[in-house]
Protein backbone atom coordinates (compact mmCIF):
# COMPACT_ATOMS: atom_id res chain seq x y z
CA MET A 1 -13.02 51.43 105.37
CA GLY A 2 -9.49 51.60 106.87
CA PHE A 3 -8.73 47.93 105.60
CA PHE A 4 -9.45 49.31 102.18
CA SER A 5 -7.46 52.32 102.01
CA ARG A 6 -4.35 50.29 103.75
CA LYS A 7 -4.74 47.55 100.66
CA ARG A 8 -4.79 50.65 98.05
CA SER A 9 -2.02 52.51 100.05
CA ALA A 10 0.27 49.17 99.98
CA SER A 11 -0.70 47.97 96.13
CA SER A 12 0.53 51.85 95.39
CA ALA A 13 3.85 51.57 97.73
CA LYS A 14 4.45 48.36 95.16
CA GLU A 15 3.68 50.00 92.30
CA ARG A 16 5.98 52.95 93.29
CA LEU A 17 8.89 50.21 94.01
CA GLN A 18 8.27 48.08 91.32
CA LEU A 19 8.88 51.93 89.26
CA VAL A 20 11.96 52.60 91.01
CA LEU A 21 13.31 48.95 90.09
CA VAL A 22 12.42 49.53 86.56
CA HIS A 23 14.68 52.82 86.65
CA ASP A 24 17.65 51.58 87.87
CA ARG A 25 17.81 49.06 85.29
CA THR A 26 16.88 50.95 82.56
CA ASP A 27 17.85 55.06 81.73
CA LEU A 28 14.36 56.01 81.93
CA THR A 29 13.53 58.49 84.61
CA PRO A 30 10.81 57.50 86.76
CA ALA A 31 8.53 60.02 85.47
CA GLN A 32 9.09 58.68 81.66
CA LEU A 33 8.25 55.53 83.15
CA GLU A 34 4.94 56.95 84.99
CA ALA A 35 4.37 58.46 81.48
CA LEU A 36 4.60 55.49 79.50
CA LYS A 37 2.34 53.72 81.49
CA ASN A 38 -0.25 56.28 81.59
CA ASP A 39 -0.04 56.35 77.70
CA LEU A 40 -0.30 52.87 77.53
CA LEU A 41 -3.07 52.61 79.44
CA LYS A 42 -5.04 55.63 77.84
CA ALA A 43 -4.23 53.93 74.26
CA ILE A 44 -5.34 50.56 75.57
CA SER A 45 -8.33 51.84 76.94
CA ASN A 46 -9.67 53.64 73.87
CA TYR A 47 -10.27 49.46 72.65
CA ILE A 48 -11.00 47.23 75.75
CA ASP A 49 -12.44 48.39 79.04
CA ILE A 50 -9.37 47.54 81.30
CA ASP A 51 -9.01 48.07 85.30
CA PRO A 52 -6.15 50.56 85.75
CA ASP A 53 -5.95 50.16 89.50
CA ALA A 54 -4.77 46.43 89.02
CA VAL A 55 -1.95 47.55 86.06
CA GLN A 56 1.28 46.31 86.67
CA ILE A 57 4.38 46.88 84.33
CA GLY A 58 7.59 46.34 84.52
CA LEU A 59 11.20 44.96 83.61
CA GLU A 60 12.46 41.10 82.90
CA ARG A 61 15.97 40.94 82.38
CA ASP A 62 16.72 37.59 80.05
CA GLY A 63 20.61 37.45 79.44
CA ARG A 64 21.35 41.07 77.82
CA SER A 65 17.97 41.48 76.60
CA GLN A 66 15.16 43.20 78.96
CA ARG A 67 10.97 43.30 78.52
CA LEU A 68 8.89 45.38 79.30
CA VAL A 69 6.19 43.13 81.07
CA ALA A 70 2.65 44.70 81.23
CA ASP A 71 0.38 42.40 83.31
CA ILE A 72 -3.64 44.48 82.44
CA PRO A 73 -6.52 43.42 84.01
CA LEU A 74 -9.36 43.17 81.52
CA ARG A 75 -12.98 44.57 82.56
CA ASN A 76 -16.24 43.27 81.01
CA VAL A 77 -15.16 42.19 77.21
CA THR A 78 -17.71 41.78 74.48
CA ARG A 79 -17.21 41.38 70.78
CA GLN A 80 -19.02 43.56 68.53
């Protein structure tokens, strides 16, 4: 069980670091970024079954512009 808790802890630490890096590049506070992430996941999960533990959100720069990039793994997707 220790292995799995370390893996989850490392994933949490990586996510926190990504949020700090995004904060450094924008005017958003870490709390605002976390709220944004939670709102996005809540909205998306109304329509699609997602894996919230594997979500990664970050910023990419392209010259002067910035882009919010979200990697949101989907679980079982079924057509209705």
